[in-house]
C-alpha atoms as a PDB file:
ATOM      1  CA  GLN A   1     -26.462 -28.581  -1.571  1.00  0.00           C
ATOM      2  CA  LEU A   2     -24.663 -25.285  -0.663  1.00  0.00           C
ATOM      3  CA  GLN A   3     -22.751 -23.945  -3.678  1.00  0.00           C
ATOM      4  CA  LEU A   4     -20.905 -20.862  -4.772  1.00  0.00           C
ATOM      5  CA  VAL A   5     -20.376 -20.681  -8.511  1.00  0.00           C
ATOM      6  CA  GLU A   6     -17.983 -18.069 -10.165  1.00  0.00           C
ATOM      7  CA  SER A   7     -18.351 -17.051 -13.802  1.00  0.00           C
ATOM      8  CA  GLY A   8     -17.197 -14.280 -16.060  1.00  0.00           C
ATOM      9  CA  GLY A   9     -13.502 -15.061 -16.408  1.00  0.00           C
ATOM     10  CA  GLY A  10     -11.622 -15.165 -19.653  1.00  0.00           C
ATOM     11  CA  LEU A  11      -8.828 -13.846 -21.754  1.00  0.00           C
ATOM     12  CA  VAL A  12      -8.557 -10.166 -22.059  1.00  0.00           C
ATOM     13  CA  GLN A  13      -5.896  -7.679 -23.294  1.00  0.00           C
ATOM     14  CA  PRO A  14      -4.126  -5.292 -20.950  1.00  0.00           C
ATOM     15  CA  GLY A  15      -6.335  -2.369 -20.250  1.00  0.00           C
ATOM     16  CA  GLY A  16      -9.448  -4.377 -20.747  1.00  0.00           C
ATOM     17  CA  SER A  17     -12.406  -5.229 -18.478  1.00  0.00           C
ATOM     18  CA  LEU A  18     -14.177  -8.251 -17.087  1.00  0.00           C
ATOM     19  CA  ARG A  19     -17.069  -8.622 -14.634  1.00  0.00           C
ATOM     20  CA  LEU A  20     -16.957 -11.655 -12.396  1.00  0.00           C
ATOM     21  CA  SER A  21     -20.092 -13.015 -10.840  1.00  0.00           C
ATOM     22  CA  CYS A  22     -20.397 -15.166  -7.673  1.00  0.00           C
ATOM     23  CA  ALA A  23     -23.909 -16.866  -7.515  1.00  0.00           C
ATOM     24  CA  ALA A  24     -25.058 -18.856  -4.560  1.00  0.00           C
ATOM     25  CA  SER A  25     -27.325 -21.867  -4.664  1.00  0.00           C
ATOM     26  CA  GLY A  26     -28.819 -23.828  -1.795  1.00  0.00           C
ATOM     27  CA  PHE A  27     -28.499 -20.932   0.619  1.00  0.00           C
ATOM     28  CA  THR A  28     -29.018 -17.103   0.715  1.00  0.00           C
ATOM     29  CA  LEU A  29     -26.070 -14.720   0.707  1.00  0.00           C
ATOM     30  CA  ASP A  30     -27.914 -12.132   2.635  1.00  0.00           C
ATOM     31  CA  TYR A  31     -26.205 -12.727   5.898  1.00  0.00           C
ATOM     32  CA  TYR A  32     -22.743 -13.413   4.590  1.00  0.00           C
ATOM     33  CA  ALA A  33     -19.723 -11.164   3.895  1.00  0.00           C
ATOM     34  CA  ILE A  34     -18.363 -12.112   0.487  1.00  0.00           C
ATOM     35  CA  GLY A  35     -14.633 -11.932  -0.403  1.00  0.00           C
ATOM     36  CA  TRP A  36     -12.951 -12.325  -3.682  1.00  0.00           C
ATOM     37  CA  PHE A  37      -9.495 -14.000  -3.566  1.00  0.00           C
ATOM     38  CA  ARG A  38      -7.127 -14.813  -6.362  1.00  0.00           C
ATOM     39  CA  GLN A  39      -4.281 -17.257  -6.762  1.00  0.00           C
ATOM     40  CA  ALA A  40      -1.601 -17.001  -9.452  1.00  0.00           C
ATOM     41  CA  PRO A  41       0.662 -19.869 -10.438  1.00  0.00           C
ATOM     42  CA  GLY A  42       3.354 -20.392  -7.818  1.00  0.00           C
ATOM     43  CA  LYS A  43       1.862 -17.789  -5.446  1.00  0.00           C
ATOM     44  CA  GLU A  44      -0.217 -17.939  -2.265  1.00  0.00           C
ATOM     45  CA  ARG A  45      -3.953 -17.115  -2.455  1.00  0.00           C
ATOM     46  CA  GLU A  46      -4.475 -13.381  -1.732  1.00  0.00           C
ATOM     47  CA  GLY A  47      -7.540 -11.379  -0.816  1.00  0.00           C
ATOM     48  CA  VAL A  48      -8.620  -8.975  -3.565  1.00  0.00           C
ATOM     49  CA  SER A  49     -11.830  -7.387  -2.351  1.00  0.00           C
ATOM     50  CA  CYS A  50     -14.645  -7.844   0.174  1.00  0.00           C
ATOM     51  CA  ILE A  51     -18.186  -6.711   0.850  1.00  0.00           C
ATOM     52  CA  SER A  52     -20.241  -6.879   3.995  1.00  0.00           C
ATOM     53  CA  SER A  53     -23.606  -8.595   4.103  1.00  0.00           C
ATOM     54  CA  SER A  54     -25.459  -5.376   3.743  1.00  0.00           C
ATOM     55  CA  GLY A  55     -23.170  -4.003   1.016  1.00  0.00           C
ATOM     56  CA  GLY A  56     -22.356  -1.069   3.203  1.00  0.00           C
ATOM     57  CA  SER A  57     -18.748  -1.778   3.685  1.00  0.00           C
ATOM     58  CA  THR A  58     -16.184  -2.715   1.114  1.00  0.00           C
ATOM     59  CA  ASN A  59     -12.443  -2.996   0.952  1.00  0.00           C
ATOM     60  CA  TYR A  60      -9.798  -3.621  -1.651  1.00  0.00           C
ATOM     61  CA  ALA A  61      -6.224  -4.764  -1.846  1.00  0.00           C
ATOM     62  CA  ASP A  62      -3.900  -1.832  -2.634  1.00  0.00           C
ATOM     63  CA  SER A  63      -2.978  -3.455  -5.983  1.00  0.00           C
ATOM     64  CA  VAL A  64      -6.491  -3.196  -7.262  1.00  0.00           C
ATOM     65  CA  LYS A  65      -7.832   0.067  -5.639  1.00  0.00           C
ATOM     66  CA  GLY A  66      -9.334   2.414  -8.169  1.00  0.00           C
ATOM     67  CA  ARG A  67      -9.531  -0.432 -10.813  1.00  0.00           C
ATOM     68  CA  PHE A  68     -11.825  -3.093  -9.305  1.00  0.00           C
ATOM     69  CA  THR A  69     -15.375  -2.530  -7.803  1.00  0.00           C
ATOM     70  CA  ILE A  70     -17.263  -5.047  -5.798  1.00  0.00           C
ATOM     71  CA  SER A  71     -21.029  -5.000  -5.516  1.00  0.00           C
ATOM     72  CA  ARG A  72     -23.815  -7.305  -4.501  1.00  0.00           C
ATOM     73  CA  ASP A  73     -27.446  -7.910  -5.536  1.00  0.00           C
ATOM     74  CA  ASN A  74     -29.083  -9.843  -2.671  1.00  0.00           C
ATOM     75  CA  ALA A  75     -32.270 -10.186  -4.637  1.00  0.00           C
ATOM     76  CA  LYS A  76     -30.305 -12.169  -7.226  1.00  0.00           C
ATOM     77  CA  ASN A  77     -28.200 -13.897  -4.611  1.00  0.00           C
ATOM     78  CA  THR A  78     -25.056 -12.746  -6.442  1.00  0.00           C
ATOM     79  CA  VAL A  79     -21.937 -10.735  -5.864  1.00  0.00           C
ATOM     80  CA  TYR A  80     -19.992  -9.058  -8.677  1.00  0.00           C
ATOM     81  CA  LEU A  81     -16.472  -7.966  -9.152  1.00  0.00           C
ATOM     82  CA  GLN A  82     -16.020  -5.425 -11.977  1.00  0.00           C
ATOM     83  CA  MET A  83     -12.417  -5.313 -12.998  1.00  0.00           C
ATOM     84  CA  ASN A  84     -11.192  -2.464 -15.321  1.00  0.00           C
ATOM     85  CA  SER A  85      -7.843  -1.451 -16.487  1.00  0.00           C
ATOM     86  CA  LEU A  86      -6.681  -5.012 -16.122  1.00  0.00           C
ATOM     87  CA  LYS A  87      -2.896  -5.804 -15.982  1.00  0.00           C
ATOM     88  CA  PRO A  88      -0.950  -8.905 -16.744  1.00  0.00           C
ATOM     89  CA  GLU A  89      -0.239  -9.232 -13.120  1.00  0.00           C
ATOM     90  CA  ASP A  90      -3.962  -9.644 -12.492  1.00  0.00           C
ATOM     91  CA  THR A  91      -3.709 -13.034 -14.195  1.00  0.00           C
ATOM     92  CA  ALA A  92      -4.933 -15.648 -11.653  1.00  0.00           C
ATOM     93  CA  ILE A  93      -7.831 -17.950 -10.744  1.00  0.00           C
ATOM     94  CA  TYR A  94     -10.386 -15.851  -8.925  1.00  0.00           C
ATOM     95  CA  TYR A  95     -12.403 -17.352  -6.130  1.00  0.00           C
ATOM     96  CA  CYS A  96     -15.317 -16.099  -4.122  1.00  0.00           C
ATOM     97  CA  ALA A  97     -15.873 -17.013  -0.507  1.00  0.00           C
ATOM     98  CA  ALA A  98     -18.790 -16.447   1.871  1.00  0.00           C
ATOM     99  CA  GLY A  99     -18.299 -16.002   5.600  1.00  0.00           C
ATOM    100  CA  TYR A 100     -20.018 -14.762   8.636  1.00  0.00           C
ATOM    101  CA  ASP A 101     -16.986 -13.140  10.191  1.00  0.00           C
ATOM    102  CA  TRP A 102     -16.334  -9.846   8.464  1.00  0.00           C
ATOM    103  CA  PHE A 103     -13.151  -9.138  10.372  1.00  0.00           C
ATOM    104  CA  ARG A 104     -11.423 -12.341   9.638  1.00  0.00           C
ATOM    105  CA  LEU A 105     -12.681 -12.693   5.977  1.00  0.00           C
ATOM    106  CA  CYS A 106     -12.479  -9.047   4.928  1.00  0.00           C
ATOM    107  CA  VAL A 107     -10.075  -7.122   7.254  1.00  0.00           C
ATOM    108  CA  LEU A 108      -7.571  -9.938   7.796  1.00  0.00           C
ATOM    109  CA  ARG A 109      -8.289 -11.557   4.542  1.00  0.00           C
ATOM    110  CA  ASP A 110      -7.997 -14.908   6.262  1.00  0.00           C
ATOM    111  CA  ALA A 111      -8.820 -17.582   3.683  1.00  0.00           C
ATOM    112  CA  ASN A 112      -9.131 -20.117   6.548  1.00  0.00           C
ATOM    113  CA  SER A 113     -12.008 -18.204   8.050  1.00  0.00           C
ATOM    114  CA  THR A 114     -14.615 -19.946   5.995  1.00  0.00           C
ATOM    115  CA  GLY A 115     -15.240 -23.289   4.172  1.00  0.00           C
ATOM    116  CA  TYR A 116     -17.656 -21.788   1.662  1.00  0.00           C
ATOM    117  CA  TRP A 117     -15.715 -21.471  -1.582  1.00  0.00           C
ATOM    118  CA  GLY A 118     -16.535 -21.533  -5.313  1.00  0.00           C
ATOM    119  CA  GLN A 119     -14.568 -23.562  -7.805  1.00  0.00           C
ATOM    120  CA  GLY A 120     -12.858 -20.479  -9.267  1.00  0.00           C
ATOM    121  CA  THR A 121     -12.784 -18.856 -12.631  1.00  0.00           C
ATOM    122  CA  GLN A 122      -9.678 -18.154 -14.729  1.00  0.00           C
ATOM    123  CA  VAL A 123      -8.691 -14.616 -15.567  1.00  0.00           C
ATOM    124  CA  THR A 124      -5.812 -14.161 -18.025  1.00  0.00           C
ATOM    125  CA  VAL A 125      -4.595 -10.724 -19.113  1.00  0.00           C
ATOM    126  CA  SER A 126      -2.314 -10.959 -22.084  1.00  0.00           C
ATOM    127  CA  SER A 127      -1.770  -9.363 -25.411  1.00  0.00           C
END
C-alpha cells in the first residue's frame, strides 16, 4: 500500500520552530517531486514549498521565504519542512504530496496534479 505520512505538527508560540516530516511507505520517493501544502480553516489549500526528486531545486511561497526550509533524505525515504519564526497565520493543516510532474506540482502548485497525499498534520501557532 502506497502511503505518505506527515508528522511533527503541534502547538507552538509565535516565533517558535517546528520540523515536519513526510515519510513514504510502499514506494520510494527517489523519483518524485515533493510538495508541502497547507489549508487553514475556511481557506483554499495553498502550496508552501516544493523540492525536486534530486533535491537540486526548491521553491517557496512568498509568505514563507526566509523562514521555511525544505529538504529530503532519499536514503530515509523522507522529506522535511523546517519552519522557523512561525507566525499565527501559519496555522493550518500541512499536507505533503508526491508527484512526477515538477512543473505542475511545484511551479504551478497545482494540488490536482497528483493523487499521492498524506493525511495531514496540524500546526497551530498561538500564544
